[in-house]
Amino acid sequence: IKDPDVKLPLPVLSIKVNLFGTGTLVD
């Protein structure tokens, strides 16, 4: 990444990960 002004707004509490590959999402 080179752009000094890059922005990435994210609703972090809503990020979900299928942490164990079982289909159960952990937010």
mmCIF file of all heavy atoms, coordinates in Angstrom:
data_MODEL
# 
_entry.id   MODEL 
# 
loop_
_atom_site.group_PDB 
_atom_site.id 
_atom_site.type_symbol 
_atom_site.label_atom_id 
_atom_site.label_alt_id 
_atom_site.label_comp_id 
_atom_site.label_asym_id 
_atom_site.label_entity_id 
_atom_site.label_seq_id 
_atom_site.pdbx_PDB_ins_code 
_atom_site.Cartn_x 
_atom_site.Cartn_y 
_atom_site.Cartn_z 
_atom_site.occupancy 
_atom_site.B_iso_or_equiv 
_atom_site.pdbx_formal_charge 
_atom_site.auth_seq_id 
_atom_site.auth_comp_id 
_atom_site.auth_asym_id 
_atom_site.auth_atom_id 
_atom_site.pdbx_PDB_model_num 
ATOM 1   N N   . ILE A 1 1  ? 0.851   -1.197  0.000  1.00 0.00 ? 1  ILE A N   1 
ATOM 2   C CA  . ILE A 1 1  ? 0.000   0.000   0.000  1.00 0.00 ? 1  ILE A CA  1 
ATOM 3   C C   . ILE A 1 1  ? 0.881   1.240   0.000  1.00 0.00 ? 1  ILE A C   1 
ATOM 4   O O   . ILE A 1 1  ? 1.766   1.391   0.841  1.00 0.00 ? 1  ILE A O   1 
ATOM 5   C CB  . ILE A 1 1  ? -0.947  -0.010  1.215  1.00 0.00 ? 1  ILE A CB  1 
ATOM 6   C CG1 . ILE A 1 1  ? -1.951  -1.159  1.077  1.00 0.00 ? 1  ILE A CG1 1 
ATOM 7   C CG2 . ILE A 1 1  ? -1.659  1.322   1.378  1.00 0.00 ? 1  ILE A CG2 1 
ATOM 8   C CD1 . ILE A 1 1  ? -2.826  -1.366  2.289  1.00 0.00 ? 1  ILE A CD1 1 
ATOM 9   N N   . LYS A 1 2  ? 0.615   2.151   -0.931 1.00 0.00 ? 2  LYS A N   1 
ATOM 10  C CA  . LYS A 1 2  ? 1.421   3.364   -1.081 1.00 0.00 ? 2  LYS A CA  1 
ATOM 11  C C   . LYS A 1 2  ? 0.649   4.640   -0.749 1.00 0.00 ? 2  LYS A C   1 
ATOM 12  O O   . LYS A 1 2  ? 1.256   5.646   -0.368 1.00 0.00 ? 2  LYS A O   1 
ATOM 13  C CB  . LYS A 1 2  ? 1.942   3.464   -2.525 1.00 0.00 ? 2  LYS A CB  1 
ATOM 14  C CG  . LYS A 1 2  ? 2.729   2.247   -3.000 1.00 0.00 ? 2  LYS A CG  1 
ATOM 15  C CD  . LYS A 1 2  ? 3.950   1.988   -2.134 1.00 0.00 ? 2  LYS A CD  1 
ATOM 16  C CE  . LYS A 1 2  ? 4.740   0.773   -2.636 1.00 0.00 ? 2  LYS A CE  1 
ATOM 17  N NZ  . LYS A 1 2  ? 5.843   0.413   -1.718 1.00 0.00 ? 2  LYS A NZ  1 
ATOM 18  N N   . ASP A 1 3  ? -0.667  4.624   -0.909 1.00 0.00 ? 3  ASP A N   1 
ATOM 19  C CA  . ASP A 1 3  ? -1.468  5.832   -0.727 1.00 0.00 ? 3  ASP A CA  1 
ATOM 20  C C   . ASP A 1 3  ? -1.452  6.280   0.736  1.00 0.00 ? 3  ASP A C   1 
ATOM 21  O O   . ASP A 1 3  ? -1.974  5.579   1.607  1.00 0.00 ? 3  ASP A O   1 
ATOM 22  C CB  . ASP A 1 3  ? -2.906  5.550   -1.170 1.00 0.00 ? 3  ASP A CB  1 
ATOM 23  C CG  . ASP A 1 3  ? -3.803  6.776   -1.075 1.00 0.00 ? 3  ASP A CG  1 
ATOM 24  O OD1 . ASP A 1 3  ? -3.300  7.856   -0.701 1.00 0.00 ? 3  ASP A OD1 1 
ATOM 25  O OD2 . ASP A 1 3  ? -5.008  6.653   -1.372 1.00 0.00 ? 3  ASP A OD2 1 
ATOM 26  N N   . PRO A 1 4  ? -0.866  7.462   1.049  1.00 0.00 ? 4  PRO A N   1 
ATOM 27  C CA  . PRO A 1 4  ? -0.830  7.913   2.448  1.00 0.00 ? 4  PRO A CA  1 
ATOM 28  C C   . PRO A 1 4  ? -2.193  8.296   2.996  1.00 0.00 ? 4  PRO A C   1 
ATOM 29  O O   . PRO A 1 4  ? -2.354  8.433   4.214  1.00 0.00 ? 4  PRO A O   1 
ATOM 30  C CB  . PRO A 1 4  ? 0.109   9.122   2.393  1.00 0.00 ? 4  PRO A CB  1 
ATOM 31  C CG  . PRO A 1 4  ? -0.016  9.637   0.986  1.00 0.00 ? 4  PRO A CG  1 
ATOM 32  C CD  . PRO A 1 4  ? -0.228  8.426   0.134  1.00 0.00 ? 4  PRO A CD  1 
ATOM 33  N N   . ASP A 1 5  ? -3.178  8.461   2.109  1.00 0.00 ? 5  ASP A N   1 
ATOM 34  C CA  . ASP A 1 5  ? -4.515  8.880   2.526  1.00 0.00 ? 5  ASP A CA  1 
ATOM 35  C C   . ASP A 1 5  ? -5.541  7.744   2.455  1.00 0.00 ? 5  ASP A C   1 
ATOM 36  O O   . ASP A 1 5  ? -6.748  7.994   2.513  1.00 0.00 ? 5  ASP A O   1 
ATOM 37  C CB  . ASP A 1 5  ? -4.996  10.042  1.653  1.00 0.00 ? 5  ASP A CB  1 
ATOM 38  C CG  . ASP A 1 5  ? -4.089  11.258  1.757  1.00 0.00 ? 5  ASP A CG  1 
ATOM 39  O OD1 . ASP A 1 5  ? -3.705  11.600  2.896  1.00 0.00 ? 5  ASP A OD1 1 
ATOM 40  O OD2 . ASP A 1 5  ? -3.751  11.857  0.711  1.00 0.00 ? 5  ASP A OD2 1 
ATOM 41  N N   . VAL A 1 6  ? -5.066  6.509   2.337  1.00 0.00 ? 6  VAL A N   1 
ATOM 42  C CA  . VAL A 1 6  ? -5.995  5.387   2.214  1.00 0.00 ? 6  VAL A CA  1 
ATOM 43  C C   . VAL A 1 6  ? -6.875  5.286   3.462  1.00 0.00 ? 6  VAL A C   1 
ATOM 44  O O   . VAL A 1 6  ? -6.418  5.532   4.579  1.00 0.00 ? 6  VAL A O   1 
ATOM 45  C CB  . VAL A 1 6  ? -5.219  4.064   1.989  1.00 0.00 ? 6  VAL A CB  1 
ATOM 46  C CG1 . VAL A 1 6  ? -4.381  3.684   3.207  1.00 0.00 ? 6  VAL A CG1 1 
ATOM 47  C CG2 . VAL A 1 6  ? -6.161  2.921   1.625  1.00 0.00 ? 6  VAL A CG2 1 
ATOM 48  N N   . LYS A 1 7  ? -8.164  4.965   3.255  1.00 0.00 ? 7  LYS A N   1 
ATOM 49  C CA  . LYS A 1 7  ? -9.117  4.807   4.352  1.00 0.00 ? 7  LYS A CA  1 
ATOM 50  C C   . LYS A 1 7  ? -9.861  3.490   4.177  1.00 0.00 ? 7  LYS A C   1 
ATOM 51  O O   . LYS A 1 7  ? -10.171 3.075   3.052  1.00 0.00 ? 7  LYS A O   1 
ATOM 52  C CB  . LYS A 1 7  ? -10.141 5.949   4.364  1.00 0.00 ? 7  LYS A CB  1 
ATOM 53  C CG  . LYS A 1 7  ? -9.553  7.347   4.496  1.00 0.00 ? 7  LYS A CG  1 
ATOM 54  C CD  . LYS A 1 7  ? -9.086  7.628   5.900  1.00 0.00 ? 7  LYS A CD  1 
ATOM 55  C CE  . LYS A 1 7  ? -8.635  9.082   6.053  1.00 0.00 ? 7  LYS A CE  1 
ATOM 56  N NZ  . LYS A 1 7  ? -8.140  9.377   7.415  1.00 0.00 ? 7  LYS A NZ  1 
ATOM 57  N N   . LEU A 1 8  ? -10.172 2.843   5.286  1.00 0.00 ? 8  LEU A N   1 
ATOM 58  C CA  . LEU A 1 8  ? -10.953 1.608   5.246  1.00 0.00 ? 8  LEU A CA  1 
ATOM 59  C C   . LEU A 1 8  ? -11.923 1.606   6.436  1.00 0.00 ? 8  LEU A C   1 
ATOM 60  O O   . LEU A 1 8  ? -11.607 1.061   7.496  1.00 0.00 ? 8  LEU A O   1 
ATOM 61  C CB  . LEU A 1 8  ? -10.050 0.380   5.288  1.00 0.00 ? 8  LEU A CB  1 
ATOM 62  C CG  . LEU A 1 8  ? -10.769 -0.976  5.138  1.00 0.00 ? 8  LEU A CG  1 
ATOM 63  C CD1 . LEU A 1 8  ? -11.333 -1.141  3.729  1.00 0.00 ? 8  LEU A CD1 1 
ATOM 64  C CD2 . LEU A 1 8  ? -9.819  -2.136  5.454  1.00 0.00 ? 8  LEU A CD2 1 
ATOM 65  N N   . PRO A 1 9  ? -13.091 2.221   6.289  1.00 0.00 ? 9  PRO A N   1 
ATOM 66  C CA  . PRO A 1 9  ? -14.066 2.202   7.384  1.00 0.00 ? 9  PRO A CA  1 
ATOM 67  C C   . PRO A 1 9  ? -14.729 0.832   7.491  1.00 0.00 ? 9  PRO A C   1 
ATOM 68  O O   . PRO A 1 9  ? -15.224 0.291   6.506  1.00 0.00 ? 9  PRO A O   1 
ATOM 69  C CB  . PRO A 1 9  ? -15.078 3.277   6.961  1.00 0.00 ? 9  PRO A CB  1 
ATOM 70  C CG  . PRO A 1 9  ? -14.980 3.335   5.470  1.00 0.00 ? 9  PRO A CG  1 
ATOM 71  C CD  . PRO A 1 9  ? -13.562 2.988   5.124  1.00 0.00 ? 9  PRO A CD  1 
ATOM 72  N N   . LEU A 1 10 ? -14.734 0.265   8.700  1.00 0.00 ? 10 LEU A N   1 
ATOM 73  C CA  . LEU A 1 10 ? -15.311 -1.066  8.897  1.00 0.00 ? 10 LEU A CA  1 
ATOM 74  C C   . LEU A 1 10 ? -16.117 -1.115  10.193 1.00 0.00 ? 10 LEU A C   1 
ATOM 75  O O   . LEU A 1 10 ? -15.654 -0.624  11.233 1.00 0.00 ? 10 LEU A O   1 
ATOM 76  C CB  . LEU A 1 10 ? -14.207 -2.131  8.961  1.00 0.00 ? 10 LEU A CB  1 
ATOM 77  C CG  . LEU A 1 10 ? -13.457 -2.460  7.675  1.00 0.00 ? 10 LEU A CG  1 
ATOM 78  C CD1 . LEU A 1 10 ? -12.318 -3.429  7.961  1.00 0.00 ? 10 LEU A CD1 1 
ATOM 79  C CD2 . LEU A 1 10 ? -14.388 -3.032  6.619  1.00 0.00 ? 10 LEU A CD2 1 
ATOM 80  N N   . PRO A 1 11 ? -17.298 -1.757  10.162 1.00 0.00 ? 11 PRO A N   1 
ATOM 81  C CA  . PRO A 1 11 ? -18.062 -2.006  11.396 1.00 0.00 ? 11 PRO A CA  1 
ATOM 82  C C   . PRO A 1 11 ? -17.480 -3.216  12.109 1.00 0.00 ? 11 PRO A C   1 
ATOM 83  O O   . PRO A 1 11 ? -17.929 -4.351  11.921 1.00 0.00 ? 11 PRO A O   1 
ATOM 84  C CB  . PRO A 1 11 ? -19.477 -2.263  10.870 1.00 0.00 ? 11 PRO A CB  1 
ATOM 85  C CG  . PRO A 1 11 ? -19.281 -2.838  9.505  1.00 0.00 ? 11 PRO A CG  1 
ATOM 86  C CD  . PRO A 1 11 ? -18.017 -2.225  8.959  1.00 0.00 ? 11 PRO A CD  1 
ATOM 87  N N   . VAL A 1 12 ? -16.479 -3.021  12.918 1.00 0.00 ? 12 VAL A N   1 
ATOM 88  C CA  . VAL A 1 12 ? -15.640 -4.115  13.413 1.00 0.00 ? 12 VAL A CA  1 
ATOM 89  C C   . VAL A 1 12 ? -16.401 -5.146  14.245 1.00 0.00 ? 12 VAL A C   1 
ATOM 90  O O   . VAL A 1 12 ? -16.053 -6.333  14.238 1.00 0.00 ? 12 VAL A O   1 
ATOM 91  C CB  . VAL A 1 12 ? -14.442 -3.571  14.218 1.00 0.00 ? 12 VAL A CB  1 
ATOM 92  C CG1 . VAL A 1 12 ? -13.488 -2.826  13.311 1.00 0.00 ? 12 VAL A CG1 1 
ATOM 93  C CG2 . VAL A 1 12 ? -14.912 -2.674  15.353 1.00 0.00 ? 12 VAL A CG2 1 
ATOM 94  N N   . LEU A 1 13 ? -17.442 -4.709  14.972 1.00 0.00 ? 13 LEU A N   1 
ATOM 95  C CA  . LEU A 1 13 ? -18.186 -5.666  15.789 1.00 0.00 ? 13 LEU A CA  1 
ATOM 96  C C   . LEU A 1 13 ? -19.048 -6.592  14.947 1.00 0.00 ? 13 LEU A C   1 
ATOM 97  O O   . LEU A 1 13 ? -19.514 -7.624  15.429 1.00 0.00 ? 13 LEU A O   1 
ATOM 98  C CB  . LEU A 1 13 ? -19.051 -4.937  16.815 1.00 0.00 ? 13 LEU A CB  1 
ATOM 99  C CG  . LEU A 1 13 ? -18.292 -4.116  17.861 1.00 0.00 ? 13 LEU A CG  1 
ATOM 100 C CD1 . LEU A 1 13 ? -19.265 -3.446  18.818 1.00 0.00 ? 13 LEU A CD1 1 
ATOM 101 C CD2 . LEU A 1 13 ? -17.313 -4.986  18.637 1.00 0.00 ? 13 LEU A CD2 1 
ATOM 102 N N   . SER A 1 14 ? -19.239 -6.231  13.678 1.00 0.00 ? 14 SER A N   1 
ATOM 103 C CA  . SER A 1 14 ? -20.057 -7.055  12.790 1.00 0.00 ? 14 SER A CA  1 
ATOM 104 C C   . SER A 1 14 ? -19.223 -7.984  11.915 1.00 0.00 ? 14 SER A C   1 
ATOM 105 O O   . SER A 1 14 ? -19.771 -8.754  11.125 1.00 0.00 ? 14 SER A O   1 
ATOM 106 C CB  . SER A 1 14 ? -20.923 -6.157  11.890 1.00 0.00 ? 14 SER A CB  1 
ATOM 107 O OG  . SER A 1 14 ? -21.834 -5.401  12.658 1.00 0.00 ? 14 SER A OG  1 
ATOM 108 N N   . ILE A 1 15 ? -17.903 -7.903  12.016 1.00 0.00 ? 15 ILE A N   1 
ATOM 109 C CA  . ILE A 1 15 ? -17.042 -8.819  11.254 1.00 0.00 ? 15 ILE A CA  1 
ATOM 110 C C   . ILE A 1 15 ? -17.235 -10.235 11.781 1.00 0.00 ? 15 ILE A C   1 
ATOM 111 O O   . ILE A 1 15 ? -17.245 -10.470 12.988 1.00 0.00 ? 15 ILE A O   1 
ATOM 112 C CB  . ILE A 1 15 ? -15.566 -8.392  11.368 1.00 0.00 ? 15 ILE A CB  1 
ATOM 113 C CG1 . ILE A 1 15 ? -15.350 -7.057  10.647 1.00 0.00 ? 15 ILE A CG1 1 
ATOM 114 C CG2 . ILE A 1 15 ? -14.643 -9.469  10.796 1.00 0.00 ? 15 ILE A CG2 1 
ATOM 115 C CD1 . ILE A 1 15 ? -13.958 -6.494  10.808 1.00 0.00 ? 15 ILE A CD1 1 
ATOM 116 N N   . LYS A 1 16 ? -17.397 -11.172 10.881 1.00 0.00 ? 16 LYS A N   1 
ATOM 117 C CA  . LYS A 1 16 ? -17.665 -12.563 11.257 1.00 0.00 ? 16 LYS A CA  1 
ATOM 118 C C   . LYS A 1 16 ? -16.610 -13.486 10.646 1.00 0.00 ? 16 LYS A C   1 
ATOM 119 O O   . LYS A 1 16 ? -16.186 -13.295 9.508  1.00 0.00 ? 16 LYS A O   1 
ATOM 120 C CB  . LYS A 1 16 ? -19.061 -12.987 10.796 1.00 0.00 ? 16 LYS A CB  1 
ATOM 121 C CG  . LYS A 1 16 ? -20.199 -12.188 11.421 1.00 0.00 ? 16 LYS A CG  1 
ATOM 122 C CD  . LYS A 1 16 ? -21.547 -12.665 10.907 1.00 0.00 ? 16 LYS A CD  1 
ATOM 123 C CE  . LYS A 1 16 ? -22.689 -11.903 11.561 1.00 0.00 ? 16 LYS A CE  1 
ATOM 124 N NZ  . LYS A 1 16 ? -22.693 -10.469 11.183 1.00 0.00 ? 16 LYS A NZ  1 
ATOM 125 N N   . VAL A 1 17 ? -16.217 -14.482 11.433 1.00 0.00 ? 17 VAL A N   1 
ATOM 126 C CA  . VAL A 1 17 ? -15.212 -15.456 10.980 1.00 0.00 ? 17 VAL A CA  1 
ATOM 127 C C   . VAL A 1 17 ? -15.734 -16.860 11.254 1.00 0.00 ? 17 VAL A C   1 
ATOM 128 O O   . VAL A 1 17 ? -16.214 -17.150 12.354 1.00 0.00 ? 17 VAL A O   1 
ATOM 129 C CB  . VAL A 1 17 ? -13.871 -15.240 11.721 1.00 0.00 ? 17 VAL A CB  1 
ATOM 130 C CG1 . VAL A 1 17 ? -12.833 -16.242 11.231 1.00 0.00 ? 17 VAL A CG1 1 
ATOM 131 C CG2 . VAL A 1 17 ? -13.366 -13.814 11.530 1.00 0.00 ? 17 VAL A CG2 1 
ATOM 132 N N   . ASN A 1 18 ? -15.648 -17.718 10.242 1.00 0.00 ? 18 ASN A N   1 
ATOM 133 C CA  . ASN A 1 18 ? -16.004 -19.133 10.391 1.00 0.00 ? 18 ASN A CA  1 
ATOM 134 C C   . ASN A 1 18 ? -14.788 -19.827 11.000 1.00 0.00 ? 18 ASN A C   1 
ATOM 135 O O   . ASN A 1 18 ? -14.046 -20.539 10.324 1.00 0.00 ? 18 ASN A O   1 
ATOM 136 C CB  . ASN A 1 18 ? -16.363 -19.723 9.029  1.00 0.00 ? 18 ASN A CB  1 
ATOM 137 C CG  . ASN A 1 18 ? -16.816 -21.167 9.118  1.00 0.00 ? 18 ASN A CG  1 
ATOM 138 O OD1 . ASN A 1 18 ? -17.066 -21.701 10.208 1.00 0.00 ? 18 ASN A OD1 1 
ATOM 139 N ND2 . ASN A 1 18 ? -16.915 -21.823 7.976  1.00 0.00 ? 18 ASN A ND2 1 
ATOM 140 N N   . LEU A 1 19 ? -14.581 -19.587 12.296 1.00 0.00 ? 19 LEU A N   1 
ATOM 141 C CA  . LEU A 1 19 ? -13.298 -19.838 12.922 1.00 0.00 ? 19 LEU A CA  1 
ATOM 142 C C   . LEU A 1 19 ? -12.872 -21.302 12.920 1.00 0.00 ? 19 LEU A C   1 
ATOM 143 O O   . LEU A 1 19 ? -11.681 -21.603 12.916 1.00 0.00 ? 19 LEU A O   1 
ATOM 144 C CB  . LEU A 1 19 ? -13.317 -19.304 14.357 1.00 0.00 ? 19 LEU A CB  1 
ATOM 145 C CG  . LEU A 1 19 ? -11.964 -19.119 15.040 1.00 0.00 ? 19 LEU A CG  1 
ATOM 146 C CD1 . LEU A 1 19 ? -11.053 -18.215 14.216 1.00 0.00 ? 19 LEU A CD1 1 
ATOM 147 C CD2 . LEU A 1 19 ? -12.140 -18.551 16.423 1.00 0.00 ? 19 LEU A CD2 1 
ATOM 148 N N   . PHE A 1 20 ? -13.810 -22.227 12.935 1.00 0.00 ? 20 PHE A N   1 
ATOM 149 C CA  . PHE A 1 20 ? -13.445 -23.646 12.991 1.00 0.00 ? 20 PHE A CA  1 
ATOM 150 C C   . PHE A 1 20 ? -13.971 -24.434 11.793 1.00 0.00 ? 20 PHE A C   1 
ATOM 151 O O   . PHE A 1 20 ? -14.006 -25.659 11.833 1.00 0.00 ? 20 PHE A O   1 
ATOM 152 C CB  . PHE A 1 20 ? -13.931 -24.271 14.300 1.00 0.00 ? 20 PHE A CB  1 
ATOM 153 C CG  . PHE A 1 20 ? -13.113 -23.842 15.489 1.00 0.00 ? 20 PHE A CG  1 
ATOM 154 C CD1 . PHE A 1 20 ? -13.501 -22.753 16.240 1.00 0.00 ? 20 PHE A CD1 1 
ATOM 155 C CD2 . PHE A 1 20 ? -11.943 -24.495 15.831 1.00 0.00 ? 20 PHE A CD2 1 
ATOM 156 C CE1 . PHE A 1 20 ? -12.751 -22.334 17.327 1.00 0.00 ? 20 PHE A CE1 1 
ATOM 157 C CE2 . PHE A 1 20 ? -11.180 -24.088 16.906 1.00 0.00 ? 20 PHE A CE2 1 
ATOM 158 C CZ  . PHE A 1 20 ? -11.582 -23.001 17.659 1.00 0.00 ? 20 PHE A CZ  1 
ATOM 159 N N   . GLY A 1 21 ? -14.385 -23.733 10.742 1.00 0.00 ? 21 GLY A N   1 
ATOM 160 C CA  . GLY A 1 21 ? -14.816 -24.425 9.539  1.00 0.00 ? 21 GLY A CA  1 
ATOM 161 C C   . GLY A 1 21 ? -16.075 -25.242 9.715  1.00 0.00 ? 21 GLY A C   1 
ATOM 162 O O   . GLY A 1 21 ? -16.344 -26.149 8.922  1.00 0.00 ? 21 GLY A O   1 
ATOM 163 N N   . THR A 1 22 ? -16.870 -24.950 10.758 1.00 0.00 ? 22 THR A N   1 
ATOM 164 C CA  . THR A 1 22 ? -18.091 -25.715 11.026 1.00 0.00 ? 22 THR A CA  1 
ATOM 165 C C   . THR A 1 22 ? -19.333 -25.000 10.523 1.00 0.00 ? 22 THR A C   1 
ATOM 166 O O   . THR A 1 22 ? -20.426 -25.538 10.611 1.00 0.00 ? 22 THR A O   1 
ATOM 167 C CB  . THR A 1 22 ? -18.244 -25.944 12.536 1.00 0.00 ? 22 THR A CB  1 
ATOM 168 O OG1 . THR A 1 22 ? -18.364 -24.675 13.203 1.00 0.00 ? 22 THR A OG1 1 
ATOM 169 C CG2 . THR A 1 22 ? -17.048 -26.697 13.100 1.00 0.00 ? 22 THR A CG2 1 
ATOM 170 N N   . GLY A 1 23 ? -19.175 -23.784 10.006 1.00 0.00 ? 23 GLY A N   1 
ATOM 171 C CA  . GLY A 1 23 ? -20.317 -22.991 9.580  1.00 0.00 ? 23 GLY A CA  1 
ATOM 172 C C   . GLY A 1 23 ? -20.820 -22.042 10.647 1.00 0.00 ? 23 GLY A C   1 
ATOM 173 O O   . GLY A 1 23 ? -21.626 -21.161 10.356 1.00 0.00 ? 23 GLY A O   1 
ATOM 174 N N   . THR A 1 24 ? -20.359 -22.194 11.885 1.00 0.00 ? 24 THR A N   1 
ATOM 175 C CA  . THR A 1 24 ? -20.743 -21.286 12.967 1.00 0.00 ? 24 THR A CA  1 
ATOM 176 C C   . THR A 1 24 ? -19.857 -20.054 12.894 1.00 0.00 ? 24 THR A C   1 
ATOM 177 O O   . THR A 1 24 ? -18.628 -20.158 13.011 1.00 0.00 ? 24 THR A O   1 
ATOM 178 C CB  . THR A 1 24 ? -20.587 -21.964 14.344 1.00 0.00 ? 24 THR A CB  1 
ATOM 179 O OG1 . THR A 1 24 ? -21.446 -23.101 14.393 1.00 0.00 ? 24 THR A OG1 1 
ATOM 180 C CG2 . THR A 1 24 ? -20.963 -20.997 15.457 1.00 0.00 ? 24 THR A CG2 1 
ATOM 181 N N   . LEU A 1 25 ? -20.470 -18.893 12.698 1.00 0.00 ? 25 LEU A N   1 
ATOM 182 C CA  . LEU A 1 25 ? -19.717 -17.659 12.564 1.00 0.00 ? 25 LEU A CA  1 
ATOM 183 C C   . LEU A 1 25 ? -19.539 -16.991 13.922 1.00 0.00 ? 25 LEU A C   1 
ATOM 184 O O   . LEU A 1 25 ? -20.497 -16.844 14.683 1.00 0.00 ? 25 LEU A O   1 
ATOM 185 C CB  . LEU A 1 25 ? -20.435 -16.703 11.605 1.00 0.00 ? 25 LEU A CB  1 
ATOM 186 C CG  . LEU A 1 25 ? -20.614 -17.206 10.165 1.00 0.00 ? 25 LEU A CG  1 
ATOM 187 C CD1 . LEU A 1 25 ? -21.414 -16.209 9.349  1.00 0.00 ? 25 LEU A CD1 1 
ATOM 188 C CD2 . LEU A 1 25 ? -19.262 -17.464 9.510  1.00 0.00 ? 25 LEU A CD2 1 
ATOM 189 N N   . VAL A 1 26 ? -18.321 -16.602 14.217 1.00 0.00 ? 26 VAL A N   1 
ATOM 190 C CA  . VAL A 1 26 ? -18.007 -15.874 15.437 1.00 0.00 ? 26 VAL A CA  1 
ATOM 191 C C   . VAL A 1 26 ? -17.828 -14.411 15.056 1.00 0.00 ? 26 VAL A C   1 
ATOM 192 O O   . VAL A 1 26 ? -17.031 -14.091 14.178 1.00 0.00 ? 26 VAL A O   1 
ATOM 193 C CB  . VAL A 1 26 ? -16.717 -16.413 16.090 1.00 0.00 ? 26 VAL A CB  1 
ATOM 194 C CG1 . VAL A 1 26 ? -16.391 -15.650 17.363 1.00 0.00 ? 26 VAL A CG1 1 
ATOM 195 C CG2 . VAL A 1 26 ? -16.853 -17.898 16.383 1.00 0.00 ? 26 VAL A CG2 1 
ATOM 196 N N   . ASP A 1 27 ? -18.587 -13.513 15.690 1.00 0.00 ? 27 ASP A N   1 
ATOM 197 C CA  . ASP A 1 27 ? -18.523 -12.112 15.275 1.00 0.00 ? 27 ASP A CA  1 
ATOM 198 C C   . ASP A 1 27 ? -17.510 -11.324 16.086 1.00 0.00 ? 27 ASP A C   1 
ATOM 199 O O   . ASP A 1 27 ? -16.929 -11.801 17.062 1.00 0.00 ? 27 ASP A O   1 
ATOM 200 C CB  . ASP A 1 27 ? -19.908 -11.451 15.334 1.00 0.00 ? 27 ASP A CB  1 
ATOM 201 C CG  . ASP A 1 27 ? -20.473 -11.372 16.745 1.00 0.00 ? 27 ASP A CG  1 
ATOM 202 O OD1 . ASP A 1 27 ? -19.691 -11.404 17.697 1.00 0.00 ? 27 ASP A OD1 1 
ATOM 203 O OD2 . ASP A 1 27 ? -21.709 -11.275 16.887 1.00 0.00 ? 27 ASP A OD2 1 
# 
